[in-house]
Protein backbone atom coordinates (compact mmCIF):
# COMPACT_ATOMS: atom_id res chain seq x y z
CA UNK A 1 113.93 115.23 103.45
CA UNK A 2 112.28 112.12 103.57
CA UNK A 3 108.80 113.20 103.25
CA UNK A 4 109.87 115.47 100.11
CA UNK A 5 111.24 112.17 98.60
CA UNK A 6 108.15 110.21 99.18
CA UNK A 7 106.43 112.70 96.84
CA UNK A 8 108.38 111.37 93.82
CA UNK A 9 106.15 109.24 91.71
CA UNK A 10 109.14 106.92 91.50
CA UNK A 11 109.32 106.45 95.67
CA UNK A 12 107.15 104.43 97.70
CA UNK A 13 109.73 103.74 100.45
CA UNK A 14 112.67 105.96 101.75
CA UNK A 15 115.50 105.97 104.04
CA UNK A 16 117.79 108.96 104.24
CA UNK A 17 121.46 108.74 106.33
CA UNK A 18 123.72 111.61 107.30
CA UNK A 19 126.88 110.17 108.46
CA UNK A 20 128.41 111.90 111.20
CA UNK A 21 130.89 114.64 109.67
CA UNK A 22 129.79 114.08 106.39
CA UNK A 23 128.83 116.85 104.10
CA UNK A 24 125.88 115.48 102.51
CA UNK A 25 123.15 113.05 102.57
CA UNK A 26 122.75 109.68 101.00
CA UNK A 27 119.29 107.97 100.53
CA UNK A 28 117.74 104.47 99.71
CA UNK A 29 114.73 104.50 97.95
CA UNK A 30 112.15 101.66 97.20
CA UNK A 31 110.72 102.45 93.88
CA UNK A 32 107.11 102.12 92.58
CA UNK A 33 106.88 99.33 90.37
CA UNK A 34 104.25 100.92 87.73
CA UNK A 35 106.15 104.19 87.59
CA UNK A 36 109.61 102.41 86.98
CA UNK A 37 107.96 100.12 84.36
CA UNK A 38 106.40 103.21 82.69
CA UNK A 39 109.75 105.06 82.96
CA UNK A 40 111.77 101.99 81.48
CA UNK A 41 109.76 102.08 78.25
CA UNK A 42 110.51 105.67 77.78
CA UNK A 43 114.34 105.27 78.21
CA UNK A 44 116.24 103.82 74.94
CA UNK A 45 119.26 102.04 76.61
CA UNK A 46 117.13 99.17 78.47
CA UNK A 47 117.71 96.08 76.57
CA UNK A 48 114.97 94.12 75.09
CA UNK A 49 113.68 91.82 77.89
CA UNK A 50 115.57 93.41 80.95
CA UNK A 51 113.87 93.01 84.11
CA UNK A 52 112.68 95.57 86.11
CA UNK A 53 115.87 94.96 88.53
CA UNK A 54 118.13 95.06 85.78
CA UNK A 55 116.78 98.37 84.68
CA UNK A 56 117.13 99.87 87.94
CA UNK A 57 120.64 99.48 87.97
CA UNK A 58 121.27 101.54 84.57
CA UNK A 59 122.58 104.80 84.95
CA UNK A 60 119.91 106.35 83.14
CA UNK A 61 117.00 105.08 85.15
CA UNK A 62 118.94 105.93 88.32
CA UNK A 63 119.72 109.68 87.07
CA UNK A 64 115.98 110.14 86.17
CA UNK A 65 114.90 109.06 89.21
CA UNK A 66 117.20 111.04 91.09
CA UNK A 67 116.22 114.19 89.04
CA UNK A 68 112.23 113.39 89.79
CA UNK A 69 113.46 112.87 93.86
CA UNK A 70 115.54 116.32 93.59
CA UNK A 71 112.77 118.36 91.92
CA UNK A 72 110.07 117.45 94.73
CA UNK A 73 112.87 118.47 97.20
CA UNK A 74 112.99 121.95 95.58
CA UNK A 75 109.69 122.18 95.08
CA UNK A 76 109.22 121.67 99.22
CA UNK A 77 112.01 124.66 99.36
CA UNK A 78 114.64 122.49 100.93
CA UNK A 79 117.91 123.67 100.78
CA UNK A 80 121.07 122.26 98.34
CA UNK A 81 122.55 120.48 101.39
CA UNK A 82 119.32 118.81 102.53
CA UNK A 83 119.02 117.15 99.08
CA UNK A 84 120.73 113.36 98.88
CA UNK A 85 123.86 113.48 96.83
CA UNK A 86 123.72 109.46 96.26
CA UNK A 87 120.47 107.65 95.88
CA UNK A 88 120.78 103.91 96.24
CA UNK A 89 117.58 102.37 94.38
CA UNK A 90 116.67 99.17 96.09
CA UNK A 91 115.20 97.34 93.20
CA UNK A 92 115.05 93.97 94.76
CA UNK A 93 111.55 94.47 95.99
CA UNK A 94 110.21 94.96 92.52
CA UNK A 95 108.57 91.98 90.71
CA UNK A 96 108.42 91.33 86.71
CA UNK A 97 105.02 89.49 87.39
CA UNK A 98 105.76 86.57 89.44
CA UNK A 99 105.69 87.77 92.86
CA UNK A 100 102.98 89.07 95.20
CA UNK A 101 104.79 91.70 97.13
CA UNK A 102 106.09 94.55 95.14
CA UNK A 103 107.64 98.14 96.06
CA UNK A 104 107.99 97.10 99.65
CA UNK A 105 111.60 96.46 100.95
CA UNK A 106 110.91 97.72 104.62
CA UNK A 107 108.88 95.89 106.40
CA UNK A 108 108.38 95.03 110.11
CA UNK A 109 109.00 91.45 109.71
CA UNK A 110 112.67 92.08 107.91
CA UNK A 111 113.41 94.49 110.93
CA UNK A 112 113.47 97.72 108.98
CA UNK A 113 110.10 98.97 110.43
CA UNK A 114 108.69 99.04 113.85
CA UNK A 115 105.07 97.61 115.02
CA UNK A 116 104.04 101.42 114.26
CA UNK A 117 105.80 101.39 110.79
CA UNK A 118 108.58 103.71 111.97
CA UNK A 119 111.91 103.34 110.21
CA UNK A 120 114.12 101.46 112.21
CA UNK A 121 117.51 103.50 111.20
CA UNK A 122 120.26 101.46 112.93
CA UNK A 123 119.00 98.15 111.19
CA UNK A 124 118.40 99.98 107.89
CA UNK A 125 122.31 101.23 108.20
CA UNK A 126 123.26 97.81 108.97
CA UNK A 127 121.45 96.79 106.11
CA UNK A 128 122.25 99.25 103.40
CA UNK A 129 126.07 99.87 105.21
CA UNK A 130 127.96 98.79 101.86
CA UNK A 131 125.75 100.90 99.55
CA UNK A 132 126.15 103.77 102.21
CA UNK A 133 129.95 103.81 102.33
CA UNK A 134 130.30 103.07 98.86
CA UNK A 135 128.48 106.61 98.20
CA UNK A 136 130.41 108.24 100.73
CA UNK A 137 133.90 106.78 99.23
CA UNK A 138 132.82 107.89 95.69
CA UNK A 139 131.55 111.12 96.20
CA UNK A 140 134.12 112.39 99.19
C-alpha cells in the first residue's frame, strides 16, 4: 500500500497504519513541495498569500491529493479495502522559501526512520497518534 502511495506525484514519504480490529487503513503522507505548490495555483479556494502549510489544511487540496493517491492504488490493482480511508497531510515540513529541508518529515534524527531508512512504525504511531485516532473516530 505504501509503495502504491509513493507513486503519487504529491507524495515524498508515507506511512500506512491499520489499527487492530479496524475495518480500514489510515495514512500519513509528506507532500512534495513543488507538486503541492503547483496544485495550489489551480485550486480556486486558496486565499491570496496563503502558505503551503495553510493550503494543505484546505479540504479541497486534501481531497485532490487523496484522489491522486487512490488513483495510483487502483492502477496497481489494490483492492478497495487496501485504500486508506483517511489521509493526513503532514505539511510542517513544507517551506515557503525560507527553509532548507522541504518535504522530509520522517528522518533518522527525529526517530521516525532507522539508520537504514526503514520506517519506525511504533515511533510514527506515537508521533501521529492524535491524527490517527481522529480519523478512526470520525470515519467509524
